[in-house]
Structure formats: structure tokens, C-alpha cells
Amino acid sequence: MKKFITTNGLFMLLAATVLIGAQGCKKNKEVVEAKPAGEVIINEYCTGDNYMSSKETFRSAATGESMSRETAKKMSRSNAEDELARTISSTLKAVTDNYVNSTKFNNKEEVTETFNNLARTVVDQQLRGAITICDKLTQKPNGSYVSYIAIELSGEDVAAAYNERLSKDEKIMAEYNYEKFKETFEAEMEKLGN
């Protein structure tokens, strides 16, 4: 019987040691990493996964800094629109190249040029309708303002506007297939979302 108590006592001691050791490990996991010497963490607003283009929406984010509050805001909006225009333009160019190459237009070069010209017009018109999805304004100790902004445009709206412009060109409409165009556009948007 004495042997049973000793074994039981050893078991209790071992269990207490494991429990204390496990609690000690938890505390070590909560230790915060020290930041590298001389570096400062920057908090950027209006950025991250929620502000990136997806398969349904074109998005862009930008900043602007000025001693004037309004100038900072105008700069950030202008920078965001420039970035959005580049994204839409490159997507529409890929759509045009893929669509024209997959169809049997007689004069591919002329058709491609027409598509690209219409794309520029559509992008310029659609940018006016860009929706602000994030807007933050901060002020630095020196008094300058920093404006953070993120804007978006619906991919479906861009495709519809592009299709509307294409439908007004008689040369293209003779052989234009909207369903094929839409399929090509959606494939490019899917790539953008990934």
C-alpha cells in the first residue's frame, strides 16, 4: 500500500510539473517582437485586401500630402484616379487583344485601334463616376495634411459603357459578338481578382 501512495504522489508531482510548464509556455507566446532598431511602423489608411481590385470591381488607393487641406485631398483623389485609369486601361487592352485575336475580323489592326480609342474614352467618362470607399485625413506635427483615399468602379458598369460605345461603330458591329466580348472581359476580371 505504501508503494501505491508513493506512485500516486509521483504522478501528482509529475502532473503539477507539466501544468506549470504548460502555463509557462503560454506566457512566452505572448511576448511581442521587438521592432528593428531605427524603424517606425507606418499606419496606412485605405489599403489592404478590402481596397484591392476584385473580379467584380476595379479599385485603387492613393495618398496626397500638402500644407493645404484641400490640396492634399485633391492630390490623393487625382493619384487614385490615375491608378484606377491605368488598371482599367490595361484590363481593357488585354480584353481587346484577346477578343480581337479570337475572332475573325478582316482588318485586325484597324479594329484593335478602334477598340483602344473607345477604351480611352470609356475610361475618361467612367472615372467621373468612381465611388469613394475610404477617405481619411491626418495632420502631421509640421502642420501638413495627408489625405488617404480609396475609390472603386464596377467592372460591370465599365463593360456596359464599353459595349455601348462599341455598338455605335458600324464597322465593328457587323462582326461584333457581345457574348464573346463579355466572356473575354470576365476572364480578365477573374485574373485581376486573383
N, C-alpha and C. Protein backbone atom coordinates (compact mmCIF):
# COMPACT_ATOMS: atom_id res chain seq x y z
N MET A 1 0.83 -1.19 0.00
CA MET A 1 0.00 0.00 0.00
C MET A 1 0.87 1.25 0.00
N LYS A 2 1.97 1.21 0.71
CA LYS A 2 2.85 2.34 0.75
C LYS A 2 3.40 2.64 -0.65
N LYS A 3 3.67 1.59 -1.43
CA LYS A 3 4.16 1.75 -2.78
C LYS A 3 3.13 2.48 -3.64
N PHE A 4 1.81 2.17 -3.49
CA PHE A 4 0.73 2.82 -4.23
C PHE A 4 0.68 4.31 -3.92
N ILE A 5 0.85 4.71 -2.69
CA ILE A 5 0.83 6.12 -2.30
C ILE A 5 2.03 6.82 -2.92
N THR A 6 3.16 6.20 -2.89
CA THR A 6 4.36 6.81 -3.46
C THR A 6 4.18 7.00 -4.97
N THR A 7 3.66 6.00 -5.66
CA THR A 7 3.41 6.11 -7.10
C THR A 7 2.38 7.19 -7.37
N ASN A 8 1.33 7.23 -6.55
CA ASN A 8 0.29 8.26 -6.69
C ASN A 8 0.87 9.64 -6.45
N GLY A 9 1.73 9.76 -5.46
CA GLY A 9 2.37 11.04 -5.15
C GLY A 9 3.29 11.49 -6.28
N LEU A 10 4.03 10.55 -6.87
CA LEU A 10 4.88 10.87 -8.02
C LEU A 10 4.04 11.32 -9.22
N PHE A 11 2.92 10.63 -9.40
CA PHE A 11 2.03 11.00 -10.51
C PHE A 11 1.52 12.44 -10.33
N MET A 12 1.14 12.81 -9.12
CA MET A 12 0.65 14.16 -8.82
C MET A 12 1.74 15.19 -9.04
N LEU A 13 2.96 14.87 -8.63
CA LEU A 13 4.09 15.78 -8.80
C LEU A 13 4.39 15.99 -10.28
N LEU A 14 4.36 14.90 -11.06
CA LEU A 14 4.59 14.98 -12.49
C LEU A 14 3.50 15.81 -13.16
N ALA A 15 2.24 15.62 -12.79
CA ALA A 15 1.12 16.37 -13.36
C ALA A 15 1.26 17.86 -13.04
N ALA A 16 1.65 18.21 -11.84
CA ALA A 16 1.83 19.60 -11.45
C ALA A 16 2.97 20.24 -12.25
N THR A 17 4.05 19.48 -12.46
CA THR A 17 5.18 19.99 -13.23
C THR A 17 4.77 20.27 -14.67
N VAL A 18 4.02 19.36 -15.28
CA VAL A 18 3.56 19.54 -16.66
C VAL A 18 2.63 20.75 -16.75
N LEU A 19 1.73 20.89 -15.78
CA LEU A 19 0.79 22.01 -15.77
C LEU A 19 1.52 23.35 -15.65
N ILE A 20 2.48 23.44 -14.78
CA ILE A 20 3.26 24.66 -14.60
C ILE A 20 4.07 24.95 -15.87
N GLY A 21 4.65 23.92 -16.46
CA GLY A 21 5.42 24.09 -17.69
C GLY A 21 4.53 24.57 -18.84
N ALA A 22 3.32 24.05 -18.93
CA ALA A 22 2.39 24.46 -20.00
C ALA A 22 1.99 25.92 -19.82
N GLN A 23 1.77 26.34 -18.59
CA GLN A 23 1.41 27.74 -18.35
C GLN A 23 2.59 28.65 -18.67
N GLY A 24 3.77 28.21 -18.41
CA GLY A 24 4.97 28.99 -18.71
C GLY A 24 5.12 29.18 -20.22
N CYS A 25 4.77 28.16 -21.01
CA CYS A 25 4.87 28.26 -22.47
C CYS A 25 3.89 29.29 -23.01
N LYS A 26 2.69 29.35 -22.43
CA LYS A 26 1.70 30.32 -22.89
C LYS A 26 2.21 31.75 -22.72
N LYS A 27 2.86 32.01 -21.64
CA LYS A 27 3.37 33.35 -21.40
C LYS A 27 4.43 33.72 -22.42
N ASN A 28 5.25 32.76 -22.83
CA ASN A 28 6.28 33.04 -23.81
C ASN A 28 5.69 33.38 -25.18
N LYS A 29 4.55 32.80 -25.54
CA LYS A 29 3.92 33.08 -26.82
C LYS A 29 3.37 34.50 -26.90
N GLU A 30 3.07 35.10 -25.78
CA GLU A 30 2.50 36.43 -25.76
C GLU A 30 3.56 37.53 -25.86
N VAL A 31 4.82 37.15 -25.90
CA VAL A 31 5.89 38.14 -25.98
C VAL A 31 5.82 38.82 -27.34
N VAL A 32 5.82 40.13 -27.35
CA VAL A 32 5.76 40.91 -28.57
C VAL A 32 7.16 41.06 -29.15
N GLU A 33 7.25 40.87 -30.47
CA GLU A 33 8.55 41.01 -31.12
C GLU A 33 9.01 42.45 -31.01
N ALA A 34 10.28 42.61 -30.73
CA ALA A 34 10.84 43.96 -30.69
C ALA A 34 11.04 44.42 -32.13
N LYS A 35 10.68 45.68 -32.40
CA LYS A 35 10.87 46.19 -33.76
C LYS A 35 12.34 46.47 -34.00
N PRO A 36 12.76 46.31 -35.25
CA PRO A 36 14.16 46.56 -35.56
C PRO A 36 14.57 47.99 -35.21
N ALA A 37 15.79 48.14 -34.77
CA ALA A 37 16.30 49.45 -34.34
C ALA A 37 16.22 50.46 -35.48
N GLY A 38 15.70 51.64 -35.18
CA GLY A 38 15.65 52.73 -36.15
C GLY A 38 14.44 52.69 -37.07
N GLU A 39 13.62 51.66 -37.00
CA GLU A 39 12.45 51.56 -37.87
C GLU A 39 11.18 51.97 -37.13
N VAL A 40 10.27 52.57 -37.86
CA VAL A 40 9.00 53.01 -37.30
C VAL A 40 7.88 52.34 -38.08
N ILE A 41 6.88 51.82 -37.40
CA ILE A 41 5.73 51.21 -38.06
C ILE A 41 4.85 52.31 -38.63
N ILE A 42 4.50 52.18 -39.90
CA ILE A 42 3.66 53.16 -40.59
C ILE A 42 2.24 52.61 -40.66
N ASN A 43 1.28 53.41 -40.28
CA ASN A 43 -0.12 53.03 -40.37
C ASN A 43 -0.72 53.71 -41.60
N GLU A 44 -0.93 52.94 -42.66
CA GLU A 44 -1.52 53.50 -43.87
C GLU A 44 -3.01 53.19 -43.86
N TYR A 45 -3.79 54.20 -44.11
CA TYR A 45 -5.24 54.03 -44.18
C TYR A 45 -5.64 53.69 -45.61
N CYS A 46 -6.82 53.14 -45.74
CA CYS A 46 -7.43 52.86 -47.05
C CYS A 46 -6.59 51.90 -47.89
N THR A 47 -5.88 50.97 -47.29
CA THR A 47 -5.10 49.97 -48.01
C THR A 47 -5.42 48.59 -47.46
N GLY A 48 -4.97 47.59 -48.14
CA GLY A 48 -5.19 46.21 -47.70
C GLY A 48 -6.13 45.49 -48.65
N ASP A 49 -6.47 44.27 -48.28
CA ASP A 49 -7.29 43.41 -49.13
C ASP A 49 -8.63 44.01 -49.51
N ASN A 50 -9.25 44.75 -48.60
CA ASN A 50 -10.57 45.32 -48.87
C ASN A 50 -10.53 46.44 -49.91
N TYR A 51 -9.34 46.92 -50.23
CA TYR A 51 -9.20 48.04 -51.15
C TYR A 51 -8.47 47.65 -52.44
N MET A 52 -8.39 46.35 -52.71
CA MET A 52 -7.75 45.86 -53.92
C MET A 52 -8.83 45.47 -54.94
N SER A 53 -8.48 45.55 -56.22
CA SER A 53 -9.41 45.16 -57.27
C SER A 53 -9.80 43.70 -57.10
N SER A 54 -11.03 43.41 -57.50
CA SER A 54 -11.54 42.04 -57.43
C SER A 54 -12.11 41.68 -58.79
N LYS A 55 -12.71 40.50 -58.89
CA LYS A 55 -13.27 40.10 -60.17
C LYS A 55 -14.54 40.87 -60.52
N GLU A 56 -15.10 41.62 -59.58
CA GLU A 56 -16.29 42.42 -59.84
C GLU A 56 -16.01 43.92 -59.92
N THR A 57 -14.92 44.36 -59.28
CA THR A 57 -14.72 45.80 -59.09
C THR A 57 -13.27 46.21 -59.31
N PHE A 58 -13.11 47.34 -59.99
CA PHE A 58 -11.80 47.97 -60.11
C PHE A 58 -11.64 48.88 -58.90
N ARG A 59 -10.49 48.81 -58.22
CA ARG A 59 -10.24 49.68 -57.06
C ARG A 59 -8.82 50.22 -57.11
N SER A 60 -8.65 51.38 -56.48
CA SER A 60 -7.29 51.92 -56.31
C SER A 60 -7.27 52.77 -55.04
N ALA A 61 -6.08 52.88 -54.46
CA ALA A 61 -5.89 53.69 -53.26
C ALA A 61 -4.67 54.57 -53.47
N ALA A 62 -4.71 55.75 -52.87
CA ALA A 62 -3.59 56.68 -53.03
C ALA A 62 -3.57 57.67 -51.87
N THR A 63 -2.47 58.43 -51.81
CA THR A 63 -2.33 59.48 -50.81
C THR A 63 -1.93 60.78 -51.48
N GLY A 64 -2.13 61.85 -50.75
CA GLY A 64 -1.68 63.17 -51.19
C GLY A 64 -1.29 63.96 -49.96
N GLU A 65 -0.21 64.71 -50.03
CA GLU A 65 0.25 65.49 -48.88
C GLU A 65 0.48 66.94 -49.29
N SER A 66 0.00 67.84 -48.46
CA SER A 66 0.17 69.26 -48.72
C SER A 66 -0.05 70.04 -47.43
N MET A 67 0.43 71.27 -47.42
CA MET A 67 0.17 72.15 -46.28
C MET A 67 -1.29 72.63 -46.33
N SER A 68 -1.92 72.51 -47.49
CA SER A 68 -3.32 72.88 -47.66
C SER A 68 -4.18 71.61 -47.59
N ARG A 69 -5.18 71.65 -46.76
CA ARG A 69 -6.07 70.51 -46.58
C ARG A 69 -6.72 70.11 -47.90
N GLU A 70 -7.28 71.07 -48.60
CA GLU A 70 -7.99 70.78 -49.85
C GLU A 70 -7.05 70.29 -50.93
N THR A 71 -5.86 70.83 -50.98
CA THR A 71 -4.88 70.38 -51.97
C THR A 71 -4.49 68.94 -51.71
N ALA A 72 -4.30 68.57 -50.45
CA ALA A 72 -3.97 67.18 -50.11
C ALA A 72 -5.08 66.25 -50.57
N LYS A 73 -6.32 66.66 -50.37
CA LYS A 73 -7.46 65.83 -50.78
C LYS A 73 -7.54 65.71 -52.31
N LYS A 74 -7.32 66.83 -53.01
CA LYS A 74 -7.35 66.79 -54.48
C LYS A 74 -6.22 65.92 -55.02
N MET A 75 -5.05 66.01 -54.40
CA MET A 75 -3.90 65.21 -54.84
C MET A 75 -4.18 63.72 -54.67
N SER A 76 -4.73 63.34 -53.53
CA SER A 76 -4.99 61.91 -53.30
C SER A 76 -6.04 61.39 -54.27
N ARG A 77 -7.08 62.19 -54.54
CA ARG A 77 -8.13 61.79 -55.49
C ARG A 77 -7.54 61.65 -56.90
N SER A 78 -6.74 62.62 -57.30
CA SER A 78 -6.11 62.58 -58.62
C SER A 78 -5.19 61.37 -58.77
N ASN A 79 -4.39 61.10 -57.74
CA ASN A 79 -3.49 59.94 -57.77
C ASN A 79 -4.28 58.63 -57.84
N ALA A 80 -5.38 58.54 -57.09
CA ALA A 80 -6.21 57.33 -57.11
C ALA A 80 -6.87 57.15 -58.47
N GLU A 81 -7.35 58.25 -59.06
CA GLU A 81 -7.97 58.16 -60.39
C GLU A 81 -6.96 57.75 -61.45
N ASP A 82 -5.74 58.27 -61.36
CA ASP A 82 -4.69 57.88 -62.30
C ASP A 82 -4.41 56.38 -62.21
N GLU A 83 -4.29 55.89 -61.00
CA GLU A 83 -4.04 54.46 -60.81
C GLU A 83 -5.22 53.62 -61.30
N LEU A 84 -6.43 54.06 -61.01
CA LEU A 84 -7.63 53.35 -61.46
C LEU A 84 -7.69 53.33 -62.99
N ALA A 85 -7.39 54.45 -63.61
CA ALA A 85 -7.40 54.53 -65.08
C ALA A 85 -6.38 53.57 -65.68
N ARG A 86 -5.20 53.48 -65.09
CA ARG A 86 -4.17 52.55 -65.59
C ARG A 86 -4.64 51.10 -65.48
N THR A 87 -5.26 50.77 -64.37
CA THR A 87 -5.74 49.40 -64.17
C THR A 87 -6.83 49.05 -65.17
N ILE A 88 -7.80 49.95 -65.33
CA ILE A 88 -8.89 49.70 -66.27
C ILE A 88 -8.35 49.63 -67.70
N SER A 89 -7.49 50.56 -68.05
CA SER A 89 -6.93 50.59 -69.40
C SER A 89 -6.16 49.32 -69.73
N SER A 90 -5.35 48.86 -68.80
CA SER A 90 -4.58 47.64 -69.07
C SER A 90 -5.49 46.42 -69.17
N THR A 91 -6.56 46.40 -68.37
CA THR A 91 -7.52 45.29 -68.44
C THR A 91 -8.26 45.33 -69.78
N LEU A 92 -8.72 46.52 -70.18
CA LEU A 92 -9.42 46.63 -71.46
C LEU A 92 -8.50 46.32 -72.63
N LYS A 93 -7.23 46.68 -72.53
CA LYS A 93 -6.29 46.35 -73.60
C LYS A 93 -6.14 44.83 -73.72
N ALA A 94 -6.04 44.15 -72.59
CA ALA A 94 -5.95 42.68 -72.62
C ALA A 94 -7.22 42.08 -73.19
N VAL A 95 -8.37 42.62 -72.81
CA VAL A 95 -9.64 42.14 -73.35
C VAL A 95 -9.67 42.34 -74.86
N THR A 96 -9.29 43.53 -75.30
CA THR A 96 -9.27 43.83 -76.74
C THR A 96 -8.35 42.87 -77.49
N ASP A 97 -7.13 42.72 -77.00
CA ASP A 97 -6.17 41.84 -77.67
C ASP A 97 -6.70 40.41 -77.75
N ASN A 98 -7.22 39.91 -76.64
CA ASN A 98 -7.73 38.53 -76.61
C ASN A 98 -8.99 38.38 -77.46
N TYR A 99 -9.87 39.37 -77.39
CA TYR A 99 -11.13 39.29 -78.14
C TYR A 99 -10.87 39.38 -79.65
N VAL A 100 -10.10 40.36 -80.07
CA VAL A 100 -9.84 40.54 -81.50
C VAL A 100 -9.08 39.34 -82.05
N ASN A 101 -8.12 38.80 -81.29
CA ASN A 101 -7.36 37.64 -81.76
C ASN A 101 -8.21 36.38 -81.82
N SER A 102 -9.26 36.29 -81.03
CA SER A 102 -10.09 35.09 -81.03
C SER A 102 -11.24 35.18 -82.03
N THR A 103 -11.41 36.32 -82.68
CA THR A 103 -12.47 36.48 -83.67
C THR A 103 -11.85 36.63 -85.05
N LYS A 104 -12.70 36.69 -86.06
CA LYS A 104 -12.20 36.73 -87.44
C LYS A 104 -12.53 38.06 -88.10
N PHE A 105 -12.06 39.15 -87.51
CA PHE A 105 -12.23 40.45 -88.15
C PHE A 105 -11.30 40.54 -89.35
N ASN A 106 -11.77 41.18 -90.41
CA ASN A 106 -10.96 41.30 -91.63
C ASN A 106 -9.71 42.12 -91.41
N ASN A 107 -9.83 43.24 -90.74
CA ASN A 107 -8.69 44.11 -90.53
C ASN A 107 -8.44 44.24 -89.03
N LYS A 108 -7.71 43.28 -88.47
CA LYS A 108 -7.49 43.23 -87.02
C LYS A 108 -6.82 44.48 -86.48
N GLU A 109 -5.86 45.02 -87.22
CA GLU A 109 -5.14 46.20 -86.74
C GLU A 109 -6.08 47.40 -86.60
N GLU A 110 -6.92 47.61 -87.58
CA GLU A 110 -7.87 48.73 -87.53
C GLU A 110 -8.89 48.53 -86.41
N VAL A 111 -9.37 47.32 -86.27
CA VAL A 111 -10.35 47.01 -85.22
C VAL A 111 -9.72 47.20 -83.84
N THR A 112 -8.49 46.73 -83.67
CA THR A 112 -7.80 46.89 -82.39
C THR A 112 -7.63 48.36 -82.05
N GLU A 113 -7.23 49.17 -83.03
CA GLU A 113 -7.06 50.60 -82.80
C GLU A 113 -8.39 51.25 -82.40
N THR A 114 -9.48 50.85 -83.06
CA THR A 114 -10.80 51.39 -82.73
C THR A 114 -11.19 51.01 -81.30
N PHE A 115 -10.98 49.74 -80.94
CA PHE A 115 -11.27 49.28 -79.58
C PHE A 115 -10.48 50.10 -78.56
N ASN A 116 -9.19 50.30 -78.82
CA ASN A 116 -8.34 51.02 -77.88
C ASN A 116 -8.75 52.48 -77.74
N ASN A 117 -9.12 53.13 -78.84
CA ASN A 117 -9.60 54.51 -78.78
C ASN A 117 -10.88 54.60 -77.96
N LEU A 118 -11.79 53.67 -78.19
CA LEU A 118 -13.04 53.66 -77.43
C LEU A 118 -12.77 53.40 -75.95
N ALA A 119 -11.80 52.55 -75.66
CA ALA A 119 -11.45 52.25 -74.27
C ALA A 119 -11.00 53.51 -73.55
N ARG A 120 -10.17 54.33 -74.20
CA ARG A 120 -9.70 55.57 -73.56
C ARG A 120 -10.89 56.49 -73.25
N THR A 121 -11.81 56.59 -74.18
CA THR A 121 -13.00 57.43 -73.98
C THR A 121 -13.84 56.91 -72.82
N VAL A 122 -14.05 55.61 -72.79
CA VAL A 122 -14.85 55.00 -71.72
C VAL A 122 -14.19 55.22 -70.36
N VAL A 123 -12.89 55.01 -70.27
CA VAL A 123 -12.18 55.19 -69.00
C VAL A 123 -12.34 56.63 -68.52
N ASP A 124 -12.13 57.59 -69.41
CA ASP A 124 -12.27 59.00 -69.03
C ASP A 124 -13.67 59.31 -68.52
N GLN A 125 -14.69 58.79 -69.19
CA GLN A 125 -16.07 59.05 -68.77
C GLN A 125 -16.42 58.34 -67.47
N GLN A 126 -15.99 57.11 -67.33
CA GLN A 126 -16.35 56.32 -66.16
C GLN A 126 -15.67 56.82 -64.88
N LEU A 127 -14.46 57.39 -65.00
CA LEU A 127 -13.75 57.86 -63.80
C LEU A 127 -14.56 58.90 -63.04
N ARG A 128 -15.36 59.65 -63.75
CA ARG A 128 -16.19 60.66 -63.07
C ARG A 128 -17.18 60.01 -62.11
N GLY A 129 -17.51 58.76 -62.37
CA GLY A 129 -18.47 58.05 -61.52
C GLY A 129 -17.84 57.17 -60.46
N ALA A 130 -16.55 57.29 -60.26
CA ALA A 130 -15.86 56.47 -59.25
C ALA A 130 -16.39 56.79 -57.86
N ILE A 131 -16.62 55.76 -57.09
CA ILE A 131 -17.18 55.90 -55.73
C ILE A 131 -16.04 55.86 -54.71
N THR A 132 -16.08 56.76 -53.75
CA THR A 132 -15.10 56.76 -52.66
C THR A 132 -15.51 55.71 -51.64
N ILE A 133 -14.61 54.77 -51.35
CA ILE A 133 -14.92 53.71 -50.38
C ILE A 133 -14.14 53.89 -49.07
N CYS A 134 -13.16 54.78 -49.09
CA CYS A 134 -12.39 55.09 -47.87
C CYS A 134 -11.81 56.48 -48.03
N ASP A 135 -11.89 57.27 -46.98
CA ASP A 135 -11.39 58.64 -47.03
C ASP A 135 -10.94 59.03 -45.63
N LYS A 136 -9.65 59.22 -45.43
CA LYS A 136 -9.09 59.60 -44.13
C LYS A 136 -8.18 60.80 -44.33
N LEU A 137 -8.16 61.67 -43.35
CA LEU A 137 -7.31 62.85 -43.39
C LEU A 137 -6.56 62.94 -42.07
N THR A 138 -5.24 63.07 -42.15
CA THR A 138 -4.43 63.23 -40.94
C THR A 138 -3.60 64.50 -41.06
N GLN A 139 -3.08 64.94 -39.92
CA GLN A 139 -2.22 66.12 -39.93
C GLN A 139 -0.93 65.78 -39.20
N LYS A 140 0.18 66.11 -39.82
CA LYS A 140 1.49 65.85 -39.23
C LYS A 140 1.85 66.96 -38.24
N PRO A 141 2.82 66.71 -37.38
CA PRO A 141 3.24 67.74 -36.42
C PRO A 141 3.69 69.05 -37.09
N ASN A 142 4.20 68.96 -38.31
CA ASN A 142 4.64 70.19 -39.00
C ASN A 142 3.48 70.97 -39.61
N GLY A 143 2.25 70.45 -39.46
CA GLY A 143 1.06 71.14 -39.96
C GLY A 143 0.58 70.67 -41.32
N SER A 144 1.36 69.85 -42.02
CA SER A 144 0.92 69.38 -43.34
C SER A 144 -0.16 68.31 -43.18
N TYR A 145 -1.02 68.25 -44.18
CA TYR A 145 -2.12 67.29 -44.19
C TYR A 145 -1.77 66.12 -45.10
N VAL A 146 -2.21 64.93 -44.69
CA VAL A 146 -2.06 63.74 -45.52
C VAL A 146 -3.45 63.17 -45.73
N SER A 147 -3.83 63.08 -47.00
CA SER A 147 -5.14 62.55 -47.36
C SER A 147 -4.97 61.14 -47.92
N TYR A 148 -5.73 60.20 -47.37
CA TYR A 148 -5.73 58.81 -47.84
C TYR A 148 -7.10 58.57 -48.46
N ILE A 149 -7.11 57.95 -49.63
CA ILE A 149 -8.39 57.70 -50.29
C ILE A 149 -8.34 56.38 -51.05
N ALA A 150 -9.47 55.72 -51.15
CA ALA A 150 -9.63 54.54 -52.00
C ALA A 150 -10.93 54.72 -52.76
N ILE A 151 -10.88 54.43 -54.06
CA ILE A 151 -12.06 54.57 -54.91
C ILE A 151 -12.30 53.29 -55.69
N GLU A 152 -13.52 53.14 -56.21
CA GLU A 152 -13.83 51.94 -56.98
C GLU A 152 -14.82 52.24 -58.10
N LEU A 153 -14.78 51.36 -59.10
CA LEU A 153 -15.74 51.36 -60.20
C LEU A 153 -16.18 49.93 -60.44
N SER A 154 -17.44 49.75 -60.71
CA SER A 154 -17.97 48.43 -61.00
C SER A 154 -17.44 47.95 -62.35
N GLY A 155 -16.91 46.74 -62.37
CA GLY A 155 -16.45 46.16 -63.63
C GLY A 155 -17.59 46.00 -64.61
N GLU A 156 -18.76 45.66 -64.11
CA GLU A 156 -19.94 45.50 -64.96
C GLU A 156 -20.32 46.83 -65.62
N ASP A 157 -20.23 47.93 -64.87
CA ASP A 157 -20.54 49.25 -65.43
C ASP A 157 -19.54 49.64 -66.51
N VAL A 158 -18.27 49.32 -66.29
CA VAL A 158 -17.24 49.62 -67.28
C VAL A 158 -17.50 48.82 -68.55
N ALA A 159 -17.81 47.53 -68.40
CA ALA A 159 -18.08 46.67 -69.56
C ALA A 159 -19.31 47.16 -70.32
N ALA A 160 -20.35 47.57 -69.60
CA ALA A 160 -21.57 48.06 -70.25
C ALA A 160 -21.30 49.35 -71.03
N ALA A 161 -20.53 50.26 -70.44
CA ALA A 161 -20.20 51.51 -71.11
C ALA A 161 -19.35 51.24 -72.35
N TYR A 162 -18.43 50.32 -72.23
CA TYR A 162 -17.56 49.95 -73.36
C TYR A 162 -18.40 49.34 -74.48
N ASN A 163 -19.30 48.43 -74.11
CA ASN A 163 -20.18 47.80 -75.09
C ASN A 163 -21.06 48.84 -75.79
N GLU A 164 -21.56 49.79 -75.02
CA GLU A 164 -22.41 50.85 -75.60
C GLU A 164 -21.63 51.65 -76.64
N ARG A 165 -20.38 51.98 -76.32
CA ARG A 165 -19.56 52.73 -77.28
C ARG A 165 -19.24 51.88 -78.51
N LEU A 166 -18.96 50.60 -78.31
CA LEU A 166 -18.67 49.72 -79.45
C LEU A 166 -19.89 49.57 -80.36
N SER A 167 -21.07 49.54 -79.76
CA SER A 167 -22.28 49.33 -80.56
C SER A 167 -22.59 50.52 -81.48
N LYS A 168 -21.93 51.64 -81.26
CA LYS A 168 -22.14 52.82 -82.11
C LYS A 168 -21.21 52.83 -83.33
N ASP A 169 -20.28 51.88 -83.37
CA ASP A 169 -19.35 51.81 -84.50
C ASP A 169 -19.85 50.74 -85.48
N GLU A 170 -20.28 51.18 -86.69
CA GLU A 170 -20.89 50.28 -87.65
C GLU A 170 -19.93 49.20 -88.15
N LYS A 171 -18.66 49.53 -88.34
CA LYS A 171 -17.70 48.53 -88.82
C LYS A 171 -17.56 47.38 -87.83
N ILE A 172 -17.47 47.74 -86.57
CA ILE A 172 -17.29 46.71 -85.54
C ILE A 172 -18.58 45.92 -85.35
N MET A 173 -19.71 46.59 -85.36
CA MET A 173 -20.98 45.92 -85.09
C MET A 173 -21.32 44.87 -86.13
N ALA A 174 -20.78 44.99 -87.33
CA ALA A 174 -21.05 44.00 -88.37
C ALA A 174 -20.59 42.61 -87.94
N GLU A 175 -19.52 42.54 -87.16
CA GLU A 175 -18.99 41.24 -86.75
C GLU A 175 -18.85 41.11 -85.23
N TYR A 176 -19.31 42.08 -84.49
CA TYR A 176 -19.13 42.10 -83.03
C TYR A 176 -20.05 41.08 -82.35
N ASN A 177 -19.50 40.34 -81.41
CA ASN A 177 -20.26 39.35 -80.66
C ASN A 177 -20.17 39.73 -79.18
N TYR A 178 -21.24 40.30 -78.64
CA TYR A 178 -21.22 40.79 -77.26
C TYR A 178 -20.94 39.66 -76.27
N GLU A 179 -21.54 38.51 -76.48
CA GLU A 179 -21.36 37.40 -75.53
C GLU A 179 -19.89 36.97 -75.47
N LYS A 180 -19.25 36.93 -76.63
CA LYS A 180 -17.82 36.58 -76.67
C LYS A 180 -16.99 37.67 -75.99
N PHE A 181 -17.35 38.94 -76.23
CA PHE A 181 -16.67 40.05 -75.58
C PHE A 181 -16.83 39.95 -74.06
N LYS A 182 -18.06 39.73 -73.60
CA LYS A 182 -18.35 39.65 -72.16
C LYS A 182 -17.57 38.51 -71.52
N GLU A 183 -17.50 37.38 -72.21
CA GLU A 183 -16.75 36.23 -71.70
C GLU A 183 -15.26 36.57 -71.56
N THR A 184 -14.73 37.26 -72.55
CA THR A 184 -13.32 37.68 -72.52
C THR A 184 -13.08 38.68 -71.40
N PHE A 185 -14.01 39.62 -71.22
CA PHE A 185 -13.90 40.63 -70.17
C PHE A 185 -13.93 39.96 -68.79
N GLU A 186 -14.85 39.04 -68.59
CA GLU A 186 -14.96 38.36 -67.29
C GLU A 186 -13.71 37.53 -66.98
N ALA A 187 -13.10 36.94 -68.00
CA ALA A 187 -11.87 36.18 -67.79
C ALA A 187 -10.75 37.11 -67.32
N GLU A 188 -10.66 38.30 -67.88
CA GLU A 188 -9.64 39.27 -67.46
C GLU A 188 -9.92 39.78 -66.04
N MET A 189 -11.19 40.00 -65.71
CA MET A 189 -11.54 40.44 -64.35
C MET A 189 -11.20 39.36 -63.34
N GLU A 190 -11.39 38.11 -63.72
CA GLU A 190 -11.05 36.99 -62.83
C GLU A 190 -9.55 37.01 -62.52
N LYS A 191 -8.72 37.27 -63.53
CA LYS A 191 -7.27 37.38 -63.33
C LYS A 191 -6.94 38.53 -62.40
N LEU A 192 -7.66 39.65 -62.58
CA LEU A 192 -7.43 40.84 -61.76
C LEU A 192 -7.75 40.53 -60.29
N GLY A 193 -8.81 39.76 -60.05
CA GLY A 193 -9.21 39.40 -58.70
C GLY A 193 -8.24 38.46 -58.00
N ASN A 194 -7.47 37.71 -58.81
CA ASN A 194 -6.51 36.78 -58.23
C ASN A 194 -5.19 37.49 -58.01
